[in-house]
Amino acid sequence: GYVAIAPDLYYREGGGAVEDVAAAVRQMGGVPDSRAIADLEGAVIALRSVATCSGKIGCIGHCSGGRHTLLFACNTKSLAAAVDCYGGRVVTSELSPNQPRAVIDMIAGLNIPLLGLFGEADMNPSPEHVARLEQELKKHNKIYEFKSYQSDVGHGFFADYRPSYRQEAAVDGWQRIFDFFGRYLR
């Protein structure tokens, strides 16, 4: 098994329904990247204090959490592996004062294996954005595995409580995640 922690990167934005808080964060330009990195580094420190933690830390995120995972993985030495599940807003056209530098431009800092899981019907990240990200990973000789699921699979295909859920892709994705973490975190 694994020791896990799920940091709430939105806790400073106040309470309320998840959808409302997420909408408010999007409206303000996203969680500031510097704050997300610091909060995730704090989560790693907390995990390492757990007696049963092996010291090999992985990070996984879906949607904006996928972006935060990739962002963190490119800006830390604390991780052993990372999984980005359809994290969007990684290209230069999507900058904001809170996110002033495109994550795709930080790929040189990635020093761990990355697994990316995407849907071909997703628009953020679009298949073109995924291709650009893969091109950047290749350019920097990074260790990565990408899987893009067929054309009827879009954003949020892991979310079994939403209409976007795609069971076949989700089951395959979870198997890939467990295999990937099994290789790099054990």
N, C-alpha and C. Protein backbone atom coordinates (compact mmCIF):
# COMPACT_ATOMS: atom_id res chain seq x y z
N GLY A 1 0.81 -1.19 0.00
CA GLY A 1 0.00 0.00 0.00
C GLY A 1 0.85 1.25 0.00
N TYR A 2 0.18 2.34 0.05
CA TYR A 2 0.83 3.64 0.02
C TYR A 2 0.32 4.51 1.16
N VAL A 3 1.16 5.38 1.64
CA VAL A 3 0.75 6.44 2.56
C VAL A 3 0.37 7.61 1.67
N ALA A 4 -0.78 8.22 1.92
CA ALA A 4 -1.26 9.28 1.02
C ALA A 4 -1.70 10.51 1.80
N ILE A 5 -1.65 11.64 1.12
CA ILE A 5 -2.15 12.90 1.66
C ILE A 5 -2.83 13.64 0.51
N ALA A 6 -3.89 14.35 0.80
CA ALA A 6 -4.62 15.12 -0.22
C ALA A 6 -4.68 16.57 0.23
N PRO A 7 -3.67 17.37 -0.12
CA PRO A 7 -3.66 18.77 0.31
C PRO A 7 -4.76 19.58 -0.38
N ASP A 8 -5.37 20.46 0.38
CA ASP A 8 -6.43 21.34 -0.15
C ASP A 8 -5.78 22.65 -0.57
N LEU A 9 -5.47 22.76 -1.85
CA LEU A 9 -4.80 23.96 -2.35
C LEU A 9 -5.73 25.17 -2.40
N TYR A 10 -7.03 24.95 -2.17
CA TYR A 10 -8.00 26.04 -2.20
C TYR A 10 -8.43 26.50 -0.81
N TYR A 11 -7.84 25.98 0.25
CA TYR A 11 -8.37 26.27 1.59
C TYR A 11 -8.35 27.76 1.93
N ARG A 12 -7.45 28.52 1.37
CA ARG A 12 -7.40 29.95 1.67
C ARG A 12 -8.55 30.73 1.02
N GLU A 13 -9.24 30.10 0.08
CA GLU A 13 -10.31 30.79 -0.65
C GLU A 13 -11.64 30.73 0.08
N GLY A 14 -11.68 30.09 1.23
CA GLY A 14 -12.92 30.01 2.00
C GLY A 14 -13.70 28.75 1.71
N GLY A 15 -14.78 28.58 2.44
CA GLY A 15 -15.59 27.37 2.31
C GLY A 15 -16.63 27.49 1.23
N GLY A 16 -17.47 26.49 1.18
CA GLY A 16 -18.55 26.46 0.20
C GLY A 16 -18.50 25.20 -0.62
N ALA A 17 -19.42 25.10 -1.55
CA ALA A 17 -19.46 23.95 -2.44
C ALA A 17 -18.20 23.91 -3.29
N VAL A 18 -17.70 22.72 -3.54
CA VAL A 18 -16.46 22.56 -4.31
C VAL A 18 -16.54 23.30 -5.64
N GLU A 19 -17.66 23.17 -6.33
CA GLU A 19 -17.81 23.82 -7.64
C GLU A 19 -17.73 25.34 -7.52
N ASP A 20 -18.31 25.90 -6.44
CA ASP A 20 -18.29 27.35 -6.25
C ASP A 20 -16.88 27.85 -5.95
N VAL A 21 -16.17 27.14 -5.08
CA VAL A 21 -14.80 27.54 -4.75
C VAL A 21 -13.91 27.42 -5.98
N ALA A 22 -14.05 26.34 -6.73
CA ALA A 22 -13.26 26.16 -7.95
C ALA A 22 -13.54 27.27 -8.96
N ALA A 23 -14.80 27.64 -9.11
CA ALA A 23 -15.16 28.73 -10.04
C ALA A 23 -14.55 30.05 -9.59
N ALA A 24 -14.57 30.31 -8.29
CA ALA A 24 -13.97 31.55 -7.76
C ALA A 24 -12.47 31.57 -8.00
N VAL A 25 -11.82 30.44 -7.81
CA VAL A 25 -10.37 30.36 -8.04
C VAL A 25 -10.06 30.59 -9.52
N ARG A 26 -10.85 29.98 -10.41
CA ARG A 26 -10.64 30.20 -11.85
C ARG A 26 -10.82 31.68 -12.21
N GLN A 27 -11.84 32.31 -11.61
CA GLN A 27 -12.11 33.71 -11.90
C GLN A 27 -10.96 34.62 -11.47
N MET A 28 -10.26 34.25 -10.40
CA MET A 28 -9.13 35.06 -9.93
C MET A 28 -7.82 34.70 -10.63
N GLY A 29 -7.89 33.82 -11.64
CA GLY A 29 -6.69 33.49 -12.41
C GLY A 29 -5.96 32.27 -11.91
N GLY A 30 -6.61 31.47 -11.08
CA GLY A 30 -6.00 30.24 -10.57
C GLY A 30 -5.24 30.45 -9.28
N VAL A 31 -4.92 29.35 -8.64
CA VAL A 31 -4.07 29.39 -7.45
C VAL A 31 -2.70 29.88 -7.89
N PRO A 32 -2.11 30.83 -7.17
CA PRO A 32 -0.76 31.27 -7.56
C PRO A 32 0.21 30.09 -7.58
N ASP A 33 0.97 29.97 -8.64
CA ASP A 33 1.90 28.85 -8.77
C ASP A 33 2.86 28.76 -7.60
N SER A 34 3.39 29.89 -7.16
CA SER A 34 4.35 29.86 -6.05
C SER A 34 3.71 29.29 -4.79
N ARG A 35 2.46 29.61 -4.56
CA ARG A 35 1.75 29.10 -3.39
C ARG A 35 1.46 27.61 -3.53
N ALA A 36 1.07 27.17 -4.71
CA ALA A 36 0.81 25.74 -4.93
C ALA A 36 2.08 24.93 -4.70
N ILE A 37 3.20 25.40 -5.22
CA ILE A 37 4.47 24.69 -5.02
C ILE A 37 4.81 24.62 -3.53
N ALA A 38 4.67 25.72 -2.82
CA ALA A 38 4.97 25.73 -1.38
C ALA A 38 4.03 24.81 -0.61
N ASP A 39 2.75 24.83 -0.94
CA ASP A 39 1.80 23.96 -0.24
C ASP A 39 2.09 22.49 -0.52
N LEU A 40 2.43 22.16 -1.74
CA LEU A 40 2.75 20.77 -2.07
C LEU A 40 4.06 20.33 -1.42
N GLU A 41 5.02 21.22 -1.33
CA GLU A 41 6.26 20.91 -0.61
C GLU A 41 5.96 20.64 0.86
N GLY A 42 5.03 21.42 1.44
CA GLY A 42 4.61 21.19 2.82
C GLY A 42 3.95 19.83 2.99
N ALA A 43 3.18 19.41 2.00
CA ALA A 43 2.55 18.09 2.05
C ALA A 43 3.61 16.98 2.03
N VAL A 44 4.65 17.17 1.23
CA VAL A 44 5.74 16.19 1.19
C VAL A 44 6.42 16.10 2.55
N ILE A 45 6.68 17.24 3.16
CA ILE A 45 7.30 17.25 4.49
C ILE A 45 6.43 16.51 5.49
N ALA A 46 5.13 16.75 5.43
CA ALA A 46 4.20 16.05 6.33
C ALA A 46 4.24 14.55 6.09
N LEU A 47 4.24 14.13 4.83
CA LEU A 47 4.29 12.69 4.52
C LEU A 47 5.57 12.05 5.04
N ARG A 48 6.68 12.73 4.88
CA ARG A 48 7.96 12.16 5.32
C ARG A 48 8.02 12.00 6.83
N SER A 49 7.17 12.70 7.56
CA SER A 49 7.15 12.57 9.02
C SER A 49 6.35 11.34 9.48
N VAL A 50 5.66 10.69 8.55
CA VAL A 50 4.88 9.50 8.87
C VAL A 50 5.83 8.30 8.92
N ALA A 51 5.80 7.57 10.02
CA ALA A 51 6.74 6.47 10.23
C ALA A 51 6.71 5.42 9.12
N THR A 52 5.56 5.18 8.54
CA THR A 52 5.45 4.14 7.51
C THR A 52 5.77 4.63 6.10
N CYS A 53 6.13 5.88 5.95
CA CYS A 53 6.49 6.43 4.64
C CYS A 53 7.88 5.93 4.25
N SER A 54 8.00 5.38 3.05
CA SER A 54 9.29 4.85 2.57
C SER A 54 10.27 5.96 2.19
N GLY A 55 9.77 7.16 2.02
CA GLY A 55 10.61 8.26 1.56
C GLY A 55 10.49 8.51 0.07
N LYS A 56 9.97 7.54 -0.67
CA LYS A 56 9.72 7.73 -2.10
C LYS A 56 8.33 8.32 -2.25
N ILE A 57 8.27 9.54 -2.74
CA ILE A 57 7.01 10.28 -2.82
C ILE A 57 6.58 10.41 -4.27
N GLY A 58 5.31 10.11 -4.52
CA GLY A 58 4.71 10.33 -5.82
C GLY A 58 3.63 11.38 -5.70
N CYS A 59 3.28 11.98 -6.80
CA CYS A 59 2.23 12.99 -6.81
C CYS A 59 1.30 12.69 -7.99
N ILE A 60 -0.01 12.82 -7.75
CA ILE A 60 -1.00 12.60 -8.79
C ILE A 60 -2.04 13.69 -8.71
N GLY A 61 -2.53 14.13 -9.85
CA GLY A 61 -3.59 15.13 -9.87
C GLY A 61 -4.43 14.99 -11.11
N HIS A 62 -5.69 15.36 -10.96
CA HIS A 62 -6.66 15.35 -12.06
C HIS A 62 -7.08 16.78 -12.35
N CYS A 63 -7.26 17.13 -13.62
CA CYS A 63 -7.72 18.45 -14.04
C CYS A 63 -6.72 19.51 -13.56
N SER A 64 -7.15 20.52 -12.82
CA SER A 64 -6.19 21.52 -12.34
C SER A 64 -5.16 20.87 -11.43
N GLY A 65 -5.54 19.79 -10.76
CA GLY A 65 -4.58 19.04 -9.95
C GLY A 65 -3.51 18.39 -10.81
N GLY A 66 -3.85 18.02 -12.04
CA GLY A 66 -2.85 17.51 -12.97
C GLY A 66 -1.85 18.58 -13.34
N ARG A 67 -2.36 19.80 -13.56
CA ARG A 67 -1.46 20.92 -13.83
C ARG A 67 -0.56 21.18 -12.63
N HIS A 68 -1.16 21.19 -11.42
CA HIS A 68 -0.36 21.41 -10.21
C HIS A 68 0.69 20.32 -10.02
N THR A 69 0.33 19.08 -10.34
CA THR A 69 1.29 17.98 -10.24
C THR A 69 2.47 18.21 -11.16
N LEU A 70 2.20 18.55 -12.43
CA LEU A 70 3.29 18.79 -13.37
C LEU A 70 4.11 20.01 -12.96
N LEU A 71 3.44 21.07 -12.55
CA LEU A 71 4.13 22.27 -12.05
C LEU A 71 5.08 21.91 -10.92
N PHE A 72 4.57 21.19 -9.93
CA PHE A 72 5.38 20.81 -8.77
C PHE A 72 6.53 19.91 -9.18
N ALA A 73 6.24 18.93 -10.03
CA ALA A 73 7.28 17.99 -10.46
C ALA A 73 8.43 18.70 -11.18
N CYS A 74 8.14 19.80 -11.84
CA CYS A 74 9.17 20.57 -12.56
C CYS A 74 9.93 21.52 -11.64
N ASN A 75 9.47 21.67 -10.40
CA ASN A 75 10.05 22.68 -9.51
C ASN A 75 10.44 22.13 -8.15
N THR A 76 10.67 20.82 -8.05
CA THR A 76 11.05 20.23 -6.77
C THR A 76 12.02 19.08 -7.00
N LYS A 77 12.74 18.75 -5.97
CA LYS A 77 13.59 17.55 -5.96
C LYS A 77 13.01 16.52 -4.99
N SER A 78 11.78 16.75 -4.52
CA SER A 78 11.18 15.94 -3.46
C SER A 78 10.41 14.72 -3.96
N LEU A 79 10.20 14.59 -5.25
CA LEU A 79 9.35 13.52 -5.77
C LEU A 79 10.18 12.44 -6.46
N ALA A 80 9.58 11.24 -6.52
CA ALA A 80 10.18 10.12 -7.25
C ALA A 80 9.42 9.81 -8.53
N ALA A 81 8.15 10.25 -8.62
CA ALA A 81 7.32 10.00 -9.80
C ALA A 81 6.11 10.92 -9.75
N ALA A 82 5.53 11.20 -10.92
CA ALA A 82 4.35 12.07 -10.98
C ALA A 82 3.39 11.56 -12.05
N VAL A 83 2.08 11.75 -11.77
CA VAL A 83 1.03 11.37 -12.71
C VAL A 83 0.13 12.57 -12.95
N ASP A 84 0.05 12.98 -14.20
CA ASP A 84 -0.79 14.09 -14.64
C ASP A 84 -1.99 13.52 -15.38
N CYS A 85 -3.16 13.61 -14.76
CA CYS A 85 -4.40 13.16 -15.40
C CYS A 85 -5.11 14.37 -15.98
N TYR A 86 -5.02 14.53 -17.26
CA TYR A 86 -5.65 15.59 -18.04
C TYR A 86 -5.53 16.99 -17.44
N GLY A 87 -4.31 17.34 -17.02
CA GLY A 87 -4.06 18.69 -16.51
C GLY A 87 -3.94 19.68 -17.66
N GLY A 88 -4.79 20.67 -17.69
CA GLY A 88 -4.77 21.68 -18.74
C GLY A 88 -4.01 22.92 -18.32
N ARG A 89 -4.10 23.95 -19.14
CA ARG A 89 -3.48 25.24 -18.87
C ARG A 89 -1.96 25.13 -18.66
N VAL A 90 -1.30 24.38 -19.54
CA VAL A 90 0.14 24.24 -19.42
C VAL A 90 0.90 24.96 -20.54
N VAL A 91 0.17 25.53 -21.49
CA VAL A 91 0.82 26.18 -22.63
C VAL A 91 0.86 27.69 -22.45
N THR A 92 1.68 28.34 -23.25
CA THR A 92 1.94 29.77 -23.09
C THR A 92 0.73 30.66 -23.29
N SER A 93 -0.25 30.22 -24.03
CA SER A 93 -1.41 31.07 -24.31
C SER A 93 -2.34 31.21 -23.10
N GLU A 94 -2.06 30.54 -22.02
CA GLU A 94 -2.97 30.52 -20.87
C GLU A 94 -2.32 31.08 -19.61
N LEU A 95 -1.59 32.17 -19.73
CA LEU A 95 -0.91 32.76 -18.59
C LEU A 95 -1.82 33.74 -17.86
N SER A 96 -1.49 33.99 -16.59
CA SER A 96 -2.21 34.97 -15.77
C SER A 96 -1.22 35.51 -14.74
N PRO A 97 -1.56 36.59 -14.04
CA PRO A 97 -0.65 37.07 -13.01
C PRO A 97 -0.33 36.01 -11.94
N ASN A 98 -1.29 35.14 -11.63
CA ASN A 98 -1.03 34.07 -10.66
C ASN A 98 -0.24 32.92 -11.25
N GLN A 99 -0.29 32.80 -12.56
CA GLN A 99 0.41 31.73 -13.27
C GLN A 99 1.18 32.36 -14.42
N PRO A 100 2.27 33.10 -14.08
CA PRO A 100 2.95 33.95 -15.06
C PRO A 100 3.86 33.23 -16.04
N ARG A 101 4.14 31.98 -15.78
CA ARG A 101 5.04 31.22 -16.66
C ARG A 101 4.37 29.91 -17.03
N ALA A 102 4.40 29.57 -18.29
CA ALA A 102 3.77 28.33 -18.75
C ALA A 102 4.53 27.12 -18.21
N VAL A 103 3.78 26.14 -17.72
CA VAL A 103 4.40 24.93 -17.19
C VAL A 103 5.22 24.23 -18.28
N ILE A 104 4.77 24.30 -19.50
CA ILE A 104 5.51 23.66 -20.60
C ILE A 104 6.93 24.23 -20.71
N ASP A 105 7.11 25.48 -20.30
CA ASP A 105 8.43 26.11 -20.33
C ASP A 105 9.29 25.75 -19.12
N MET A 106 8.76 24.93 -18.22
CA MET A 106 9.50 24.49 -17.03
C MET A 106 9.96 23.04 -17.15
N ILE A 107 9.68 22.39 -18.26
CA ILE A 107 9.93 20.96 -18.42
C ILE A 107 11.40 20.60 -18.19
N ALA A 108 12.31 21.50 -18.50
CA ALA A 108 13.73 21.21 -18.27
C ALA A 108 14.00 20.85 -16.81
N GLY A 109 13.18 21.37 -15.89
CA GLY A 109 13.37 21.09 -14.46
C GLY A 109 12.81 19.76 -14.00
N LEU A 110 12.11 19.05 -14.86
CA LEU A 110 11.52 17.75 -14.50
C LEU A 110 12.63 16.70 -14.43
N ASN A 111 12.81 16.11 -13.25
CA ASN A 111 13.88 15.13 -13.06
C ASN A 111 13.38 13.77 -12.61
N ILE A 112 12.09 13.50 -12.83
CA ILE A 112 11.49 12.24 -12.42
C ILE A 112 10.62 11.71 -13.56
N PRO A 113 10.26 10.44 -13.51
CA PRO A 113 9.35 9.89 -14.52
C PRO A 113 7.95 10.51 -14.39
N LEU A 114 7.32 10.72 -15.54
CA LEU A 114 5.98 11.31 -15.61
C LEU A 114 5.07 10.38 -16.39
N LEU A 115 3.88 10.14 -15.84
CA LEU A 115 2.81 9.44 -16.56
C LEU A 115 1.73 10.47 -16.86
N GLY A 116 1.32 10.55 -18.11
CA GLY A 116 0.24 11.45 -18.50
C GLY A 116 -0.91 10.67 -19.11
N LEU A 117 -2.12 10.92 -18.62
CA LEU A 117 -3.33 10.25 -19.11
C LEU A 117 -4.29 11.31 -19.62
N PHE A 118 -4.74 11.17 -20.87
CA PHE A 118 -5.52 12.20 -21.52
C PHE A 118 -6.66 11.59 -22.34
N GLY A 119 -7.66 12.41 -22.64
CA GLY A 119 -8.76 12.01 -23.51
C GLY A 119 -8.70 12.79 -24.81
N GLU A 120 -8.87 12.10 -25.92
CA GLU A 120 -8.78 12.77 -27.23
C GLU A 120 -9.90 13.77 -27.47
N ALA A 121 -11.01 13.66 -26.74
CA ALA A 121 -12.12 14.61 -26.90
C ALA A 121 -11.99 15.80 -25.95
N ASP A 122 -10.93 15.85 -25.18
CA ASP A 122 -10.71 16.94 -24.22
C ASP A 122 -10.24 18.19 -24.98
N MET A 123 -10.69 19.35 -24.54
CA MET A 123 -10.23 20.60 -25.14
C MET A 123 -9.23 21.34 -24.25
N ASN A 124 -9.07 20.89 -23.00
CA ASN A 124 -8.11 21.53 -22.11
C ASN A 124 -7.59 20.50 -21.11
N PRO A 125 -6.56 19.73 -21.47
CA PRO A 125 -5.69 19.95 -22.61
C PRO A 125 -6.24 19.31 -23.89
N SER A 126 -6.10 20.03 -24.96
CA SER A 126 -6.51 19.50 -26.27
C SER A 126 -5.44 18.51 -26.74
N PRO A 127 -5.78 17.68 -27.71
CA PRO A 127 -4.75 16.79 -28.27
C PRO A 127 -3.52 17.56 -28.79
N GLU A 128 -3.75 18.77 -29.29
CA GLU A 128 -2.62 19.59 -29.76
C GLU A 128 -1.73 20.01 -28.59
N HIS A 129 -2.35 20.36 -27.45
CA HIS A 129 -1.56 20.74 -26.28
C HIS A 129 -0.78 19.54 -25.75
N VAL A 130 -1.41 18.37 -25.76
CA VAL A 130 -0.72 17.15 -25.32
C VAL A 130 0.47 16.87 -26.24
N ALA A 131 0.28 17.04 -27.54
CA ALA A 131 1.37 16.82 -28.49
C ALA A 131 2.51 17.81 -28.25
N ARG A 132 2.18 19.06 -27.96
CA ARG A 132 3.22 20.05 -27.67
C ARG A 132 3.98 19.70 -26.39
N LEU A 133 3.24 19.23 -25.38
CA LEU A 133 3.88 18.82 -24.13
C LEU A 133 4.81 17.63 -24.38
N GLU A 134 4.33 16.66 -25.14
CA GLU A 134 5.16 15.49 -25.45
C GLU A 134 6.41 15.90 -26.23
N GLN A 135 6.26 16.82 -27.16
CA GLN A 135 7.40 17.31 -27.93
C GLN A 135 8.45 17.94 -27.00
N GLU A 136 7.99 18.70 -26.01
CA GLU A 136 8.90 19.34 -25.07
C GLU A 136 9.60 18.30 -24.19
N LEU A 137 8.87 17.28 -23.77
CA LEU A 137 9.47 16.20 -22.98
C LEU A 137 10.55 15.48 -23.78
N LYS A 138 10.27 15.20 -25.05
CA LYS A 138 11.25 14.55 -25.92
C LYS A 138 12.48 15.43 -26.11
N LYS A 139 12.24 16.71 -26.33
CA LYS A 139 13.33 17.67 -26.54
C LYS A 139 14.32 17.66 -25.38
N HIS A 140 13.80 17.47 -24.17
CA HIS A 140 14.64 17.49 -22.97
C HIS A 140 15.00 16.08 -22.48
N ASN A 141 14.71 15.07 -23.30
CA ASN A 141 15.06 13.67 -22.97
C ASN A 141 14.51 13.22 -21.62
N LYS A 142 13.26 13.54 -21.37
CA LYS A 142 12.63 13.17 -20.10
C LYS A 142 12.05 11.76 -20.18
N ILE A 143 11.95 11.11 -19.03
CA ILE A 143 11.32 9.80 -18.93
C ILE A 143 9.83 10.03 -18.73
N TYR A 144 9.04 9.54 -19.67
CA TYR A 144 7.59 9.75 -19.57
C TYR A 144 6.85 8.66 -20.32
N GLU A 145 5.58 8.51 -19.94
CA GLU A 145 4.65 7.62 -20.64
C GLU A 145 3.37 8.41 -20.80
N PHE A 146 2.84 8.48 -22.01
CA PHE A 146 1.56 9.14 -22.27
C PHE A 146 0.58 8.13 -22.84
N LYS A 147 -0.65 8.26 -22.42
CA LYS A 147 -1.75 7.49 -22.99
C LYS A 147 -2.89 8.45 -23.27
N SER A 148 -3.31 8.50 -24.53
CA SER A 148 -4.48 9.29 -24.91
C SER A 148 -5.57 8.31 -25.31
N TYR A 149 -6.72 8.43 -24.64
CA TYR A 149 -7.83 7.52 -24.89
C TYR A 149 -8.67 8.01 -26.06
N GLN A 150 -9.41 7.08 -26.68
CA GLN A 150 -10.14 7.31 -27.92
C GLN A 150 -11.01 8.56 -27.92
N SER A 151 -11.51 8.85 -29.10
CA SER A 151 -12.19 10.12 -29.37
C SER A 151 -13.43 10.38 -28.54
N ASP A 152 -14.06 9.37 -27.94
CA ASP A 152 -15.24 9.64 -27.11
C ASP A 152 -14.86 9.90 -25.65
N VAL A 153 -13.57 9.89 -25.35
CA VAL A 153 -13.09 10.11 -23.98
C VAL A 153 -12.61 11.55 -23.87
N GLY A 154 -13.22 12.30 -22.96
CA GLY A 154 -12.87 13.70 -22.79
C GLY A 154 -12.36 13.98 -21.39
N HIS A 155 -12.52 15.21 -20.97
CA HIS A 155 -12.06 15.67 -19.67
C HIS A 155 -12.87 15.01 -18.56
N GLY A 156 -12.22 14.62 -17.50
CA GLY A 156 -12.91 14.07 -16.34
C GLY A 156 -13.34 12.63 -16.48
N PHE A 157 -12.66 11.86 -17.30
CA PHE A 157 -13.11 10.48 -17.53
C PHE A 157 -12.93 9.57 -16.33
N PHE A 158 -12.15 9.97 -15.33
CA PHE A 158 -12.03 9.19 -14.09
C PHE A 158 -13.19 9.45 -13.13
N ALA A 159 -13.90 10.56 -13.28
CA ALA A 159 -14.91 11.01 -12.31
C ALA A 159 -16.19 10.20 -12.47
N ASP A 160 -16.33 9.14 -11.67
CA ASP A 160 -17.47 8.24 -11.81
C ASP A 160 -18.80 8.84 -11.36
N TYR A 161 -18.77 10.03 -10.86
CA TYR A 161 -19.99 10.74 -10.42
C TYR A 161 -20.43 11.78 -11.45
N ARG A 162 -19.77 11.83 -12.61
CA ARG A 162 -20.09 12.80 -13.65
C ARG A 162 -20.45 12.10 -14.96
N PRO A 163 -21.19 12.79 -15.83
CA PRO A 163 -21.49 12.21 -17.15
C PRO A 163 -20.23 11.96 -17.99
N SER A 164 -19.13 12.64 -17.68
CA SER A 164 -17.89 12.48 -18.44
C SER A 164 -17.18 11.15 -18.15
N TYR A 165 -17.63 10.42 -17.14
CA TYR A 165 -16.99 9.16 -16.75
C TYR A 165 -16.99 8.17 -17.90
N ARG A 166 -15.85 7.55 -18.11
CA ARG A 166 -15.70 6.50 -19.11
C ARG A 166 -15.03 5.31 -18.42
N GLN A 167 -15.83 4.31 -18.09
CA GLN A 167 -15.37 3.20 -17.27
C GLN A 167 -14.14 2.50 -17.86
N GLU A 168 -14.18 2.17 -19.13
CA GLU A 168 -13.07 1.43 -19.72
C GLU A 168 -11.76 2.22 -19.62
N ALA A 169 -11.80 3.50 -19.93
CA ALA A 169 -10.60 4.34 -19.84
C ALA A 169 -10.16 4.48 -18.39
N ALA A 170 -11.11 4.66 -17.48
CA ALA A 170 -10.78 4.83 -16.06
C ALA A 170 -10.12 3.57 -15.50
N VAL A 171 -10.68 2.42 -15.79
CA VAL A 171 -10.10 1.16 -15.29
C VAL A 171 -8.69 0.98 -15.85
N ASP A 172 -8.52 1.20 -17.14
CA ASP A 172 -7.20 1.10 -17.74
C ASP A 172 -6.25 2.13 -17.13
N GLY A 173 -6.74 3.35 -16.94
CA GLY A 173 -5.92 4.41 -16.35
C GLY A 173 -5.45 4.06 -14.95
N TRP A 174 -6.36 3.56 -14.11
CA TRP A 174 -5.96 3.18 -12.75
C TRP A 174 -4.91 2.07 -12.78
N GLN A 175 -5.06 1.11 -13.68
CA GLN A 175 -4.05 0.05 -13.78
C GLN A 175 -2.70 0.63 -14.17
N ARG A 176 -2.70 1.56 -15.11
CA ARG A 176 -1.45 2.22 -15.52
C ARG A 176 -0.83 2.99 -14.35
N ILE A 177 -1.67 3.68 -13.58
CA ILE A 177 -1.17 4.44 -12.42
C ILE A 177 -0.54 3.51 -11.40
N PHE A 178 -1.24 2.43 -11.04
CA PHE A 178 -0.70 1.50 -10.05
C PHE A 178 0.59 0.83 -10.56
N ASP A 179 0.63 0.48 -11.83
CA ASP A 179 1.85 -0.11 -12.40
C ASP A 179 3.00 0.90 -12.36
N PHE A 180 2.72 2.14 -12.74
CA PHE A 180 3.73 3.20 -12.78
C PHE A 180 4.27 3.47 -11.38
N PHE A 181 3.38 3.70 -10.42
CA PHE A 181 3.83 3.93 -9.05
C PHE A 181 4.53 2.70 -8.49
N GLY A 182 4.07 1.51 -8.87
CA GLY A 182 4.74 0.29 -8.42
C GLY A 182 6.19 0.22 -8.89
N ARG A 183 6.45 0.69 -10.09
CA ARG A 183 7.82 0.70 -10.62
C ARG A 183 8.69 1.74 -9.93
N TYR A 184 8.14 2.91 -9.64
CA TYR A 184 8.98 4.02 -9.20
C TYR A 184 8.91 4.36 -7.71
N LEU A 185 7.93 3.84 -7.01
CA LEU A 185 7.80 4.20 -5.59
C LEU A 185 8.09 3.05 -4.64
N ARG A 186 8.27 1.86 -5.12
CA ARG A 186 8.52 0.72 -4.22
C ARG A 186 9.99 0.47 -4.05
